[in-house]
Each structure stands twice: as C-alpha cells, then as structure tokens.
Amino acid sequence: MVLTACLTSEAQTVNVSASFDSSRIFIGDQINFTIKIEQPSDLQLNLPFFKDTLIKNIEVLAGPSLDTVQLGGNRLQVIEKYLVTSFDSGFYEIPPVLAELKSEDGVKRFYSDYSFLEVMRVSIAPQDTTAKIFDIIQPYRAPLTLGEILPWILIVAILAVVIWMVIRFLRKLKNKKTKIEPVLNIEPAHIIALRKLDILKTEMLWQMGETKKYYTRLTEILRQYLENRYGILSLELTTSETLEALVKTGFKKDESYKILKSVLTGADLVKFAKYKPVEEENEQNLDNAYIFVNMTKKGEVVSESHPKPETGEGL
C-alpha cells in the first residue's frame, strides 16, 4: 500500500508505505509492522515513531529498528520495523503513517495507505455444536509394543555402525596425507587496522570538507577489521546485521560493543541521512575506532578502566 507525493518545488518523489507481515494472526502472536520510505538521498525527513502502541489494542513490543538501502540514482530507502502483538480479537484499521518535511515554506506531509490486521481467537470447538458431534477429550492412544519399536532400533543401530566406519575411514585417509601446507606469515588484524587508521588521520578528509568520504573510509576499516578478527563479512552487511553477527560469535555487549555501535550508527547518519557532525564528534569517532581495535585485539587483556590509547603513533 503506497501513497505517492510529488515535491513540485524540487521535482522529486517521496513514497511512504506501511504494512504487516501478514493480514491475520492469532491472539498473542507476534508480527512485524514495517514502514518504508523511498526518498532522494539529500532530503531530511522527520520519520514516524510509535512508542507503546500503534493504535488501541495493537501493542509495540520492540522497535523501531532502523535501516537504510541505497537504491541508486541519488535515492535511498529508509526502513523502520516494529515488533507488535495483540491480545484482543477483532479487525483493526491502522491510520496512514506520515513523514514530514520542514522547510521555510512550511511543513509537507507524505502519507501511506491504511493498514489492516485481523486478530483471531483459536477455534476449540465447532461454532454450531448441534450441527456436528465432536470429542470432549482426545482419543486414547495405546502404548507402543516391542514389535513396533524393534525395527526402528535396528535401523538406528545399522546407521550408527555405518557412520562409525565412515569416520574411521576418513581418519585413516587424513593420516596418510604427508603434504605440509606452507605457513603464511599474515599480519595480525589489529596491526592492519591501526595502520589504516593512522593513514586516515593524516589525510585530514573531514577538515577539508570530505565528511562523507571520511566516515566511509572509517567504517570500511572497522568492517575489514571485524572480518579479519572475527570472520564476519561485515562489508556485505548492514550495521544491524553486523552487530547481530558479532554477538553470535560470542562477543559480549560490553563497553567495546557500545563503542563500535556508536561509531557505525553515527557513520550511517552521515552517509545516508545527511547528518552534519561537529568537529568534536569527528575526532571522537576516530578515537573510538582506535579504542575498539585496541580493546579487542587478539591476545590482549584489557582492564576494566579502558584508558584512551595513543592514536597509532609509533606503529
């Protein structure tokens, strides 16, 4: 469901859509409510926000999770997702959501269409109990006999023997290999990252007005470090997908996690939402990149109080 609004002053288009993952759920089920906004990359819109409920009886459990996708042609798509549920059956109509553009000429609003959701009760018995005879309790199930179980036991035993023989064969085959693989002398991930951060610092990109290029380079260095250090293909993932993949490796949501999230999220705002950070933010984000790499480098033990490291001098 999409409502298209034309910006006559800029000859550009903003599209807003809102929808549920499904039009029907049972009471207590959880479902995503997704808002998508297609807009020019250089446009700054006030995005919709829901705190506790979408409407009465449609509760917000989590969100919004924000993501952006480059569409090409100087356009991008902003995606907001909310996890919602309902404990009251009925048919609900969610009013159009809106995004606002504030300018000297006033406020322009861009609306989606209505969204609809049916919340159903679980059917326990036929609606008309006189039209059909149904069981008061489930039919009694007789216990399994040895004759029924024995064939399955034999099948499992045979499979276990086959698997054992295959594993034994593979081990013997592995022991016969005499070729020694050459050992590559690869630099540690943190050495590579710190060296690149030093180069980025000397280029002084944001000081020359190249703020977007500065944050693109900064996040590329951190994402490449995550790939070298933790095996996460971060360059192919969004910020939210990168953080989720990092946690799946066993990484704890500690101070270093918060620092990484702050740098990546701040960079997204600059690259996709046209946010203009002040000088202190640009310096702090570079310092935080140094801190994160030093806190997470392999083989190092970091104390509870993490001192601000020297920004790569002497490496």
C-alpha atoms as a PDB file:
ATOM      1  CA  MET A   1       0.000   0.000   0.000  1.00  0.00           C
ATOM      2  CA  VAL A   2       1.763   3.116  -1.225  1.00  0.00           C
ATOM      3  CA  LEU A   3       0.704   6.753  -1.475  1.00  0.00           C
ATOM      4  CA  THR A   4       2.993   8.867  -3.705  1.00  0.00           C
ATOM      5  CA  ALA A   5       3.503  12.590  -3.094  1.00  0.00           C
ATOM      6  CA  CYS A   6       5.266  14.861  -5.579  1.00  0.00           C
ATOM      7  CA  LEU A   7       7.581  17.618  -4.450  1.00  0.00           C
ATOM      8  CA  THR A   8       6.729  20.267  -7.009  1.00  0.00           C
ATOM      9  CA  SER A   9       9.460  22.655  -5.805  1.00  0.00           C
ATOM     10  CA  GLU A  10      12.249  20.094  -6.192  1.00  0.00           C
ATOM     11  CA  ALA A  11      10.669  17.817  -8.834  1.00  0.00           C
ATOM     12  CA  GLN A  12      11.419  14.822  -6.612  1.00  0.00           C
ATOM     13  CA  THR A  13       9.268  12.000  -5.236  1.00  0.00           C
ATOM     14  CA  VAL A  14       8.742  10.617  -1.738  1.00  0.00           C
ATOM     15  CA  ASN A  15       6.937   7.274  -1.341  1.00  0.00           C
ATOM     16  CA  VAL A  16       5.663   6.078   2.046  1.00  0.00           C
ATOM     17  CA  SER A  17       4.285   2.566   2.630  1.00  0.00           C
ATOM     18  CA  ALA A  18       3.265   0.671   5.762  1.00  0.00           C
ATOM     19  CA  SER A  19       2.233  -2.973   6.124  1.00  0.00           C
ATOM     20  CA  PHE A  20       2.167  -6.019   8.397  1.00  0.00           C
ATOM     21  CA  ASP A  21       3.960  -9.257   7.541  1.00  0.00           C
ATOM     22  CA  SER A  22       0.539 -10.927   7.436  1.00  0.00           C
ATOM     23  CA  SER A  23      -3.031  -9.691   7.453  1.00  0.00           C
ATOM     24  CA  ARG A  24      -4.126 -12.302  10.055  1.00  0.00           C
ATOM     25  CA  ILE A  25      -2.710 -13.500  13.368  1.00  0.00           C
ATOM     26  CA  PHE A  26      -3.992 -15.372  16.417  1.00  0.00           C
ATOM     27  CA  ILE A  27      -4.219 -13.683  19.819  1.00  0.00           C
ATOM     28  CA  GLY A  28      -0.724 -13.267  21.337  1.00  0.00           C
ATOM     29  CA  ASP A  29       1.150 -13.926  18.091  1.00  0.00           C
ATOM     30  CA  GLN A  30       3.971 -11.520  17.249  1.00  0.00           C
ATOM     31  CA  ILE A  31       4.316  -9.846  13.849  1.00  0.00           C
ATOM     32  CA  ASN A  32       6.391  -7.110  12.216  1.00  0.00           C
ATOM     33  CA  PHE A  33       4.897  -3.752  11.191  1.00  0.00           C
ATOM     34  CA  THR A  34       7.192  -2.283   8.535  1.00  0.00           C
ATOM     35  CA  ILE A  35       7.348   1.317   7.315  1.00  0.00           C
ATOM     36  CA  LYS A  36       9.293   2.004   4.121  1.00  0.00           C
ATOM     37  CA  ILE A  37      10.176   5.484   2.860  1.00  0.00           C
ATOM     38  CA  GLU A  38      11.722   5.949  -0.586  1.00  0.00           C
ATOM     39  CA  GLN A  39      13.237   9.421  -0.903  1.00  0.00           C
ATOM     40  CA  PRO A  40      16.011  11.455  -2.501  1.00  0.00           C
ATOM     41  CA  SER A  41      19.312  11.000  -0.659  1.00  0.00           C
ATOM     42  CA  ASP A  42      19.688  14.710   0.023  1.00  0.00           C
ATOM     43  CA  LEU A  43      16.275  15.086   1.692  1.00  0.00           C
ATOM     44  CA  GLN A  44      15.906  15.198   5.505  1.00  0.00           C
ATOM     45  CA  LEU A  45      12.530  13.913   6.694  1.00  0.00           C
ATOM     46  CA  ASN A  46      11.066  13.563  10.181  1.00  0.00           C
ATOM     47  CA  LEU A  47      10.303   9.850  10.405  1.00  0.00           C
ATOM     48  CA  PRO A  48       7.229   8.323  12.076  1.00  0.00           C
ATOM     49  CA  PHE A  49       7.657   6.963  15.617  1.00  0.00           C
ATOM     50  CA  PHE A  50       5.433   4.719  17.759  1.00  0.00           C
ATOM     51  CA  LYS A  51       6.219   4.227  21.448  1.00  0.00           C
ATOM     52  CA  ASP A  52       3.807   1.802  23.170  1.00  0.00           C
ATOM     53  CA  THR A  53       1.003   1.127  20.685  1.00  0.00           C
ATOM     54  CA  LEU A  54       0.176   1.532  17.004  1.00  0.00           C
ATOM     55  CA  ILE A  55      -3.468   2.015  17.955  1.00  0.00           C
ATOM     56  CA  LYS A  56      -5.565   0.781  20.870  1.00  0.00           C
ATOM     57  CA  ASN A  57      -5.081  -2.993  21.407  1.00  0.00           C
ATOM     58  CA  ILE A  58      -2.105  -3.206  18.990  1.00  0.00           C
ATOM     59  CA  GLU A  59       0.910  -3.166  21.320  1.00  0.00           C
ATOM     60  CA  VAL A  60       4.521  -2.351  20.347  1.00  0.00           C
ATOM     61  CA  LEU A  61       6.937  -4.926  21.821  1.00  0.00           C
ATOM     62  CA  ALA A  62      10.180  -3.675  20.252  1.00  0.00           C
ATOM     63  CA  GLY A  63      11.465  -1.109  17.805  1.00  0.00           C
ATOM     64  CA  PRO A  64      11.908   0.779  15.810  1.00  0.00           C
ATOM     65  CA  SER A  65      14.880  -0.907  14.159  1.00  0.00           C
ATOM     66  CA  LEU A  66      16.196   1.477  11.512  1.00  0.00           C
ATOM     67  CA  ASP A  67      17.976   0.501   8.317  1.00  0.00           C
ATOM     68  CA  THR A  68      18.802   2.215   5.026  1.00  0.00           C
ATOM     69  CA  VAL A  69      19.301   0.862   1.498  1.00  0.00           C
ATOM     70  CA  GLN A  70      20.829   2.761  -1.417  1.00  0.00           C
ATOM     71  CA  LEU A  71      18.544   2.461  -4.466  1.00  0.00           C
ATOM     72  CA  GLY A  72      20.772   4.238  -6.986  1.00  0.00           C
ATOM     73  CA  GLY A  73      20.051   7.408  -8.880  1.00  0.00           C
ATOM     74  CA  ASN A  74      20.606   9.541  -5.752  1.00  0.00           C
ATOM     75  CA  ARG A  75      17.752   7.777  -3.948  1.00  0.00           C
ATOM     76  CA  LEU A  76      17.619   5.678  -0.802  1.00  0.00           C
ATOM     77  CA  GLN A  77      15.076   3.651   1.128  1.00  0.00           C
ATOM     78  CA  VAL A  78      14.666   4.067   4.898  1.00  0.00           C
ATOM     79  CA  ILE A  79      13.113   1.048   6.652  1.00  0.00           C
ATOM     80  CA  GLU A  80      11.562   1.125  10.147  1.00  0.00           C
ATOM     81  CA  LYS A  81      10.412  -2.121  11.769  1.00  0.00           C
ATOM     82  CA  TYR A  82       8.288  -2.607  14.883  1.00  0.00           C
ATOM     83  CA  LEU A  83       7.523  -5.928  16.577  1.00  0.00           C
ATOM     84  CA  VAL A  84       3.842  -5.854  17.615  1.00  0.00           C
ATOM     85  CA  THR A  85       1.174  -8.124  19.107  1.00  0.00           C
ATOM     86  CA  SER A  86      -2.455  -8.027  20.255  1.00  0.00           C
ATOM     87  CA  PHE A  87      -4.439  -9.772  22.988  1.00  0.00           C
ATOM     88  CA  ASP A  88      -7.876  -8.632  21.818  1.00  0.00           C
ATOM     89  CA  SER A  89      -9.548 -10.269  18.842  1.00  0.00           C
ATOM     90  CA  GLY A  90     -11.078  -8.124  16.146  1.00  0.00           C
ATOM     91  CA  PHE A  91     -10.456  -6.377  12.856  1.00  0.00           C
ATOM     92  CA  TYR A  92      -8.165  -3.361  13.191  1.00  0.00           C
ATOM     93  CA  GLU A  93      -7.607  -0.461  10.813  1.00  0.00           C
ATOM     94  CA  ILE A  94      -4.320   1.381  11.293  1.00  0.00           C
ATOM     95  CA  PRO A  95      -4.407   5.005  10.053  1.00  0.00           C
ATOM     96  CA  PRO A  96      -1.847   6.139   7.479  1.00  0.00           C
ATOM     97  CA  VAL A  97       1.618   6.863   8.862  1.00  0.00           C
ATOM     98  CA  LEU A  98       3.343  10.029   7.768  1.00  0.00           C
ATOM     99  CA  ALA A  99       6.782  11.511   7.207  1.00  0.00           C
ATOM    100  CA  GLU A 100       7.269  15.268   7.437  1.00  0.00           C
ATOM    101  CA  LEU A 101       9.459  17.684   5.511  1.00  0.00           C
ATOM    102  CA  LYS A 102      10.036  21.010   7.229  1.00  0.00           C
ATOM    103  CA  SER A 103      11.218  23.974   5.173  1.00  0.00           C
ATOM    104  CA  GLU A 104      10.918  27.747   5.043  1.00  0.00           C
ATOM    105  CA  ASP A 105       7.666  27.332   3.087  1.00  0.00           C
ATOM    106  CA  GLY A 106       6.105  25.280   5.893  1.00  0.00           C
ATOM    107  CA  VAL A 107       5.570  21.578   6.581  1.00  0.00           C
ATOM    108  CA  LYS A 108       4.814  18.960   3.915  1.00  0.00           C
ATOM    109  CA  ARG A 109       3.494  15.548   4.925  1.00  0.00           C
ATOM    110  CA  PHE A 110       3.703  12.295   2.994  1.00  0.00           C
ATOM    111  CA  TYR A 111       1.242   9.535   3.929  1.00  0.00           C
ATOM    112  CA  SER A 112       0.976   5.804   3.451  1.00  0.00           C
ATOM    113  CA  ASP A 113      -2.302   3.978   2.852  1.00  0.00           C
ATOM    114  CA  TYR A 114      -4.311   2.375   5.662  1.00  0.00           C
ATOM    115  CA  SER A 115      -3.045  -0.947   7.074  1.00  0.00           C
ATOM    116  CA  PHE A 116      -5.354  -3.735   8.218  1.00  0.00           C
ATOM    117  CA  LEU A 117      -4.912  -6.591  10.699  1.00  0.00           C
ATOM    118  CA  GLU A 118      -7.319  -9.286  11.832  1.00  0.00           C
ATOM    119  CA  VAL A 119      -6.666 -10.815  15.269  1.00  0.00           C
ATOM    120  CA  MET A 120      -8.381 -14.195  15.612  1.00  0.00           C
ATOM    121  CA  ARG A 121      -9.246 -16.428  18.539  1.00  0.00           C
ATOM    122  CA  VAL A 122      -8.153 -20.056  18.459  1.00  0.00           C
ATOM    123  CA  SER A 123     -11.111 -22.240  17.467  1.00  0.00           C
ATOM    124  CA  ILE A 124     -11.586 -25.010  20.065  1.00  0.00           C
ATOM    125  CA  ALA A 125     -14.985 -26.411  19.098  1.00  0.00           C
ATOM    126  CA  PRO A 126     -17.333 -26.055  16.097  1.00  0.00           C
ATOM    127  CA  GLN A 127     -19.345 -22.834  16.207  1.00  0.00           C
ATOM    128  CA  ASP A 128     -22.607 -24.732  15.926  1.00  0.00           C
ATOM    129  CA  THR A 129     -22.279 -27.674  18.336  1.00  0.00           C
ATOM    130  CA  THR A 130     -25.653 -29.065  17.282  1.00  0.00           C
ATOM    131  CA  ALA A 131     -24.538 -29.448  13.673  1.00  0.00           C
ATOM    132  CA  LYS A 132     -21.597 -31.730  14.387  1.00  0.00           C
ATOM    133  CA  ILE A 133     -20.643 -34.274  17.057  1.00  0.00           C
ATOM    134  CA  PHE A 134     -17.122 -33.751  18.411  1.00  0.00           C
ATOM    135  CA  ASP A 135     -14.993 -35.395  21.099  1.00  0.00           C
ATOM    136  CA  ILE A 136     -14.934 -33.993  24.622  1.00  0.00           C
ATOM    137  CA  ILE A 137     -11.352 -35.281  25.043  1.00  0.00           C
ATOM    138  CA  GLN A 138      -8.745 -36.536  22.608  1.00  0.00           C
ATOM    139  CA  PRO A 139      -8.903 -40.238  21.716  1.00  0.00           C
ATOM    140  CA  TYR A 140      -6.809 -42.528  23.918  1.00  0.00           C
ATOM    141  CA  ARG A 141      -3.606 -43.715  22.280  1.00  0.00           C
ATOM    142  CA  ALA A 142      -2.440 -47.252  23.006  1.00  0.00           C
ATOM    143  CA  PRO A 143       1.201 -47.705  24.169  1.00  0.00           C
ATOM    144  CA  LEU A 144       3.823 -48.840  21.682  1.00  0.00           C
ATOM    145  CA  THR A 145       4.743 -52.528  21.631  1.00  0.00           C
ATOM    146  CA  LEU A 146       8.215 -54.064  21.330  1.00  0.00           C
ATOM    147  CA  GLY A 147       7.331 -55.301  17.854  1.00  0.00           C
ATOM    148  CA  GLU A 148       6.684 -51.734  16.734  1.00  0.00           C
ATOM    149  CA  ILE A 149       9.865 -50.347  18.310  1.00  0.00           C
ATOM    150  CA  LEU A 150      12.329 -53.123  17.342  1.00  0.00           C
ATOM    151  CA  PRO A 151      12.583 -52.262  13.587  1.00  0.00           C
ATOM    152  CA  TRP A 152      13.470 -48.670  14.456  1.00  0.00           C
ATOM    153  CA  ILE A 153      16.111 -49.831  16.940  1.00  0.00           C
ATOM    154  CA  LEU A 154      17.708 -51.995  14.244  1.00  0.00           C
ATOM    155  CA  ILE A 155      17.707 -49.114  11.742  1.00  0.00           C
ATOM    156  CA  VAL A 156      19.392 -46.779  14.254  1.00  0.00           C
ATOM    157  CA  ALA A 157      21.992 -49.440  15.106  1.00  0.00           C
ATOM    158  CA  ILE A 158      22.830 -50.011  11.439  1.00  0.00           C
ATOM    159  CA  LEU A 159      23.160 -46.282  10.811  1.00  0.00           C
ATOM    160  CA  ALA A 160      25.444 -45.919  13.834  1.00  0.00           C
ATOM    161  CA  VAL A 161      27.748 -48.668  12.503  1.00  0.00           C
ATOM    162  CA  VAL A 162      27.860 -47.109   9.035  1.00  0.00           C
ATOM    163  CA  ILE A 163      28.671 -43.653  10.460  1.00  0.00           C
ATOM    164  CA  TRP A 164      31.411 -45.128  12.672  1.00  0.00           C
ATOM    165  CA  MET A 165      33.003 -46.894   9.671  1.00  0.00           C
ATOM    166  CA  VAL A 166      32.907 -43.704   7.562  1.00  0.00           C
ATOM    167  CA  ILE A 167      34.543 -41.664  10.349  1.00  0.00           C
ATOM    168  CA  ARG A 168      37.231 -44.320  10.815  1.00  0.00           C
ATOM    169  CA  PHE A 169      37.948 -44.369   7.056  1.00  0.00           C
ATOM    170  CA  LEU A 170      38.230 -40.581   6.882  1.00  0.00           C
ATOM    171  CA  ARG A 171      40.642 -40.526   9.827  1.00  0.00           C
ATOM    172  CA  LYS A 172      42.893 -43.091   8.157  1.00  0.00           C
ATOM    173  CA  LEU A 173      42.788 -41.132   4.918  1.00  0.00           C
ATOM    174  CA  LYS A 174      43.746 -37.941   6.737  1.00  0.00           C
ATOM    175  CA  ASN A 175      46.701 -39.626   8.477  1.00  0.00           C
ATOM    176  CA  LYS A 176      48.077 -40.738   5.092  1.00  0.00           C
ATOM    177  CA  LYS A 177      48.442 -37.167   3.903  1.00  0.00           C
ATOM    178  CA  THR A 178      52.107 -36.201   4.179  1.00  0.00           C
ATOM    179  CA  LYS A 179      51.983 -32.883   2.369  1.00  0.00           C
ATOM    180  CA  ILE A 180      52.839 -29.993   4.666  1.00  0.00           C
ATOM    181  CA  GLU A 181      50.881 -26.844   3.997  1.00  0.00           C
ATOM    182  CA  PRO A 182      53.063 -23.707   3.899  1.00  0.00           C
ATOM    183  CA  VAL A 183      52.608 -21.362   6.840  1.00  0.00           C
ATOM    184  CA  LEU A 184      51.736 -17.850   5.774  1.00  0.00           C
ATOM    185  CA  ASN A 185      53.087 -15.004   7.864  1.00  0.00           C
ATOM    186  CA  ILE A 186      49.955 -12.815   7.992  1.00  0.00           C
ATOM    187  CA  GLU A 187      49.908  -9.606   9.982  1.00  0.00           C
ATOM    188  CA  PRO A 188      47.530  -9.524  12.969  1.00  0.00           C
ATOM    189  CA  ALA A 189      44.173  -7.904  12.275  1.00  0.00           C
ATOM    190  CA  HIS A 190      44.731  -5.066  14.756  1.00  0.00           C
ATOM    191  CA  ILE A 191      48.084  -4.093  13.197  1.00  0.00           C
ATOM    192  CA  ILE A 192      46.439  -3.710   9.782  1.00  0.00           C
ATOM    193  CA  ALA A 193      43.532  -1.717  11.228  1.00  0.00           C
ATOM    194  CA  LEU A 194      45.696   0.633  13.313  1.00  0.00           C
ATOM    195  CA  ARG A 195      47.959   1.353  10.343  1.00  0.00           C
ATOM    196  CA  LYS A 196      44.966   2.240   8.169  1.00  0.00           C
ATOM    197  CA  LEU A 197      43.532   4.450  10.915  1.00  0.00           C
ATOM    198  CA  ASP A 198      46.870   6.294  11.069  1.00  0.00           C
ATOM    199  CA  ILE A 199      46.731   6.901   7.312  1.00  0.00           C
ATOM    200  CA  LEU A 200      43.123   8.097   7.543  1.00  0.00           C
ATOM    201  CA  LYS A 201      44.083  10.525  10.298  1.00  0.00           C
ATOM    202  CA  THR A 202      46.892  12.067   8.249  1.00  0.00           C
ATOM    203  CA  GLU A 203      44.631  12.539   5.189  1.00  0.00           C
ATOM    204  CA  MET A 204      42.503  15.080   7.125  1.00  0.00           C
ATOM    205  CA  LEU A 205      39.429  14.403   4.999  1.00  0.00           C
ATOM    206  CA  TRP A 206      36.740  15.931   7.213  1.00  0.00           C
ATOM    207  CA  GLN A 207      38.917  19.010   7.799  1.00  0.00           C
ATOM    208  CA  MET A 208      38.813  19.581   4.020  1.00  0.00           C
ATOM    209  CA  GLY A 209      35.019  19.155   3.860  1.00  0.00           C
ATOM    210  CA  GLU A 210      35.064  15.481   2.766  1.00  0.00           C
ATOM    211  CA  THR A 211      32.982  14.340   5.780  1.00  0.00           C
ATOM    212  CA  LYS A 212      31.035  11.597   3.986  1.00  0.00           C
ATOM    213  CA  LYS A 213      34.230  10.149   2.446  1.00  0.00           C
ATOM    214  CA  TYR A 214      35.871  10.292   5.891  1.00  0.00           C
ATOM    215  CA  TYR A 215      33.120   8.202   7.518  1.00  0.00           C
ATOM    216  CA  THR A 216      33.002   5.793   4.580  1.00  0.00           C
ATOM    217  CA  ARG A 217      36.727   5.109   4.994  1.00  0.00           C
ATOM    218  CA  LEU A 218      36.421   4.875   8.779  1.00  0.00           C
ATOM    219  CA  THR A 219      33.644   2.254   8.672  1.00  0.00           C
ATOM    220  CA  GLU A 220      35.426   0.280   5.928  1.00  0.00           C
ATOM    221  CA  ILE A 221      38.487  -0.014   8.172  1.00  0.00           C
ATOM    222  CA  LEU A 222      36.387  -1.242  11.125  1.00  0.00           C
ATOM    223  CA  ARG A 223      34.361  -3.647   8.971  1.00  0.00           C
ATOM    224  CA  GLN A 224      37.535  -5.109   7.420  1.00  0.00           C
ATOM    225  CA  TYR A 225      38.955  -5.495  10.947  1.00  0.00           C
ATOM    226  CA  LEU A 226      35.832  -7.437  12.000  1.00  0.00           C
ATOM    227  CA  GLU A 227      36.293  -9.753   9.010  1.00  0.00           C
ATOM    228  CA  ASN A 228      39.996 -10.338   9.755  1.00  0.00           C
ATOM    229  CA  ARG A 229      39.454 -10.665  13.531  1.00  0.00           C
ATOM    230  CA  TYR A 230      36.125 -12.496  13.820  1.00  0.00           C
ATOM    231  CA  GLY A 231      35.407 -13.831  10.323  1.00  0.00           C
ATOM    232  CA  ILE A 232      32.353 -11.568   9.844  1.00  0.00           C
ATOM    233  CA  LEU A 233      31.800 -10.434   6.243  1.00  0.00           C
ATOM    234  CA  SER A 234      30.755  -7.017   7.526  1.00  0.00           C
ATOM    235  CA  LEU A 235      31.388  -5.205   4.228  1.00  0.00           C
ATOM    236  CA  GLU A 236      28.378  -7.075   2.807  1.00  0.00           C
ATOM    237  CA  LEU A 237      26.103  -6.443   5.816  1.00  0.00           C
ATOM    238  CA  THR A 238      24.153  -3.520   7.236  1.00  0.00           C
ATOM    239  CA  THR A 239      25.039  -2.082  10.642  1.00  0.00           C
ATOM    240  CA  SER A 240      22.296  -4.021  12.447  1.00  0.00           C
ATOM    241  CA  GLU A 241      23.248  -7.282  10.664  1.00  0.00           C
ATOM    242  CA  THR A 242      26.926  -6.706  11.520  1.00  0.00           C
ATOM    243  CA  LEU A 243      26.223  -6.218  15.233  1.00  0.00           C
ATOM    244  CA  GLU A 244      23.947  -9.275  15.299  1.00  0.00           C
ATOM    245  CA  ALA A 245      26.613 -11.419  13.582  1.00  0.00           C
ATOM    246  CA  LEU A 246      29.237 -10.157  16.060  1.00  0.00           C
ATOM    247  CA  VAL A 247      27.108 -11.212  19.050  1.00  0.00           C
ATOM    248  CA  LYS A 248      26.629 -14.674  17.504  1.00  0.00           C
ATOM    249  CA  THR A 249      30.421 -15.182  17.645  1.00  0.00           C
ATOM    250  CA  GLY A 250      30.214 -14.943  21.440  1.00  0.00           C
ATOM    251  CA  PHE A 251      31.081 -11.257  21.601  1.00  0.00           C
ATOM    252  CA  LYS A 252      29.544  -9.711  24.729  1.00  0.00           C
ATOM    253  CA  LYS A 253      27.555  -6.474  24.705  1.00  0.00           C
ATOM    254  CA  ASP A 254      30.156  -4.703  26.821  1.00  0.00           C
ATOM    255  CA  GLU A 255      31.804  -1.288  26.541  1.00  0.00           C
ATOM    256  CA  SER A 256      33.649  -2.214  23.332  1.00  0.00           C
ATOM    257  CA  TYR A 257      30.351  -3.318  21.729  1.00  0.00           C
ATOM    258  CA  LYS A 258      28.756   0.025  22.635  1.00  0.00           C
ATOM    259  CA  ILE A 259      31.728   1.925  21.167  1.00  0.00           C
ATOM    260  CA  LEU A 260      31.529   0.013  17.870  1.00  0.00           C
ATOM    261  CA  LYS A 261      27.754   0.505  17.655  1.00  0.00           C
ATOM    262  CA  SER A 262      28.171   4.238  18.300  1.00  0.00           C
ATOM    263  CA  VAL A 263      30.728   4.668  15.505  1.00  0.00           C
ATOM    264  CA  LEU A 264      28.816   2.602  12.898  1.00  0.00           C
ATOM    265  CA  THR A 265      25.437   4.187  13.720  1.00  0.00           C
ATOM    266  CA  GLY A 266      26.889   7.699  13.647  1.00  0.00           C
ATOM    267  CA  ALA A 267      28.531   6.989  10.288  1.00  0.00           C
ATOM    268  CA  ASP A 268      25.178   5.762   8.864  1.00  0.00           C
ATOM    269  CA  LEU A 269      23.564   9.053   9.830  1.00  0.00           C
ATOM    270  CA  VAL A 270      26.270  10.983   7.980  1.00  0.00           C
ATOM    271  CA  LYS A 271      26.287   8.759   4.877  1.00  0.00           C
ATOM    272  CA  PHE A 272      22.551   8.173   4.465  1.00  0.00           C
ATOM    273  CA  ALA A 273      20.658  10.796   6.484  1.00  0.00           C
ATOM    274  CA  LYS A 274      22.871  13.788   5.607  1.00  0.00           C
ATOM    275  CA  TYR A 275      23.689  14.412   9.273  1.00  0.00           C
ATOM    276  CA  LYS A 276      26.439  17.008   9.772  1.00  0.00           C
ATOM    277  CA  PRO A 277      28.560  16.215  12.860  1.00  0.00           C
ATOM    278  CA  VAL A 278      30.559  18.845  14.700  1.00  0.00           C
ATOM    279  CA  GLU A 279      34.375  18.808  14.906  1.00  0.00           C
ATOM    280  CA  GLU A 280      34.395  17.092  18.315  1.00  0.00           C
ATOM    281  CA  GLU A 281      32.238  14.226  17.002  1.00  0.00           C
ATOM    282  CA  ASN A 282      34.568  13.594  14.058  1.00  0.00           C
ATOM    283  CA  GLU A 283      37.589  13.408  16.368  1.00  0.00           C
ATOM    284  CA  GLN A 284      35.768  11.285  18.962  1.00  0.00           C
ATOM    285  CA  ASN A 285      34.618   8.728  16.363  1.00  0.00           C
ATOM    286  CA  LEU A 286      38.226   8.272  15.164  1.00  0.00           C
ATOM    287  CA  ASP A 287      39.419   7.953  18.771  1.00  0.00           C
ATOM    288  CA  ASN A 288      36.645   5.394  19.433  1.00  0.00           C
ATOM    289  CA  ALA A 289      37.800   3.359  16.420  1.00  0.00           C
ATOM    290  CA  TYR A 290      41.332   3.225  17.927  1.00  0.00           C
ATOM    291  CA  ILE A 291      39.849   2.281  21.318  1.00  0.00           C
ATOM    292  CA  PHE A 292      37.710  -0.530  19.890  1.00  0.00           C
ATOM    293  CA  VAL A 293      40.599  -2.099  17.967  1.00  0.00           C
ATOM    294  CA  ASN A 294      42.935  -1.927  20.975  1.00  0.00           C
ATOM    295  CA  MET A 295      40.258  -3.321  23.326  1.00  0.00           C
ATOM    296  CA  THR A 296      39.505  -6.314  21.073  1.00  0.00           C
ATOM    297  CA  LYS A 297      42.891  -7.163  19.551  1.00  0.00           C
ATOM    298  CA  LYS A 298      43.773 -10.822  19.824  1.00  0.00           C
ATOM    299  CA  GLY A 299      45.869 -11.938  22.755  1.00  0.00           C
ATOM    300  CA  GLU A 300      45.434  -8.735  24.758  1.00  0.00           C
ATOM    301  CA  VAL A 301      43.794  -8.480  28.175  1.00  0.00           C
ATOM    302  CA  VAL A 302      42.099  -5.126  28.762  1.00  0.00           C
ATOM    303  CA  SER A 303      41.475  -3.795  32.270  1.00  0.00           C
ATOM    304  CA  GLU A 304      38.083  -2.551  33.469  1.00  0.00           C
ATOM    305  CA  SER A 305      39.138   1.094  33.079  1.00  0.00           C
ATOM    306  CA  HIS A 306      39.965   1.494  29.411  1.00  0.00           C
ATOM    307  CA  PRO A 307      42.417   4.395  29.014  1.00  0.00           C
ATOM    308  CA  LYS A 308      42.277   6.419  25.834  1.00  0.00           C
ATOM    309  CA  PRO A 309      45.097   4.979  23.647  1.00  0.00           C
ATOM    310  CA  GLU A 310      47.596   6.916  21.649  1.00  0.00           C
ATOM    311  CA  THR A 311      46.132   7.185  18.164  1.00  0.00           C
ATOM    312  CA  GLY A 312      48.525   4.844  16.418  1.00  0.00           C
ATOM    313  CA  GLU A 313      51.783   6.832  16.726  1.00  0.00           C
ATOM    314  CA  GLY A 314      54.857   4.643  16.666  1.00  0.00           C
ATOM    315  CA  LEU A 315      53.193   1.683  14.921  1.00  0.00           C
END
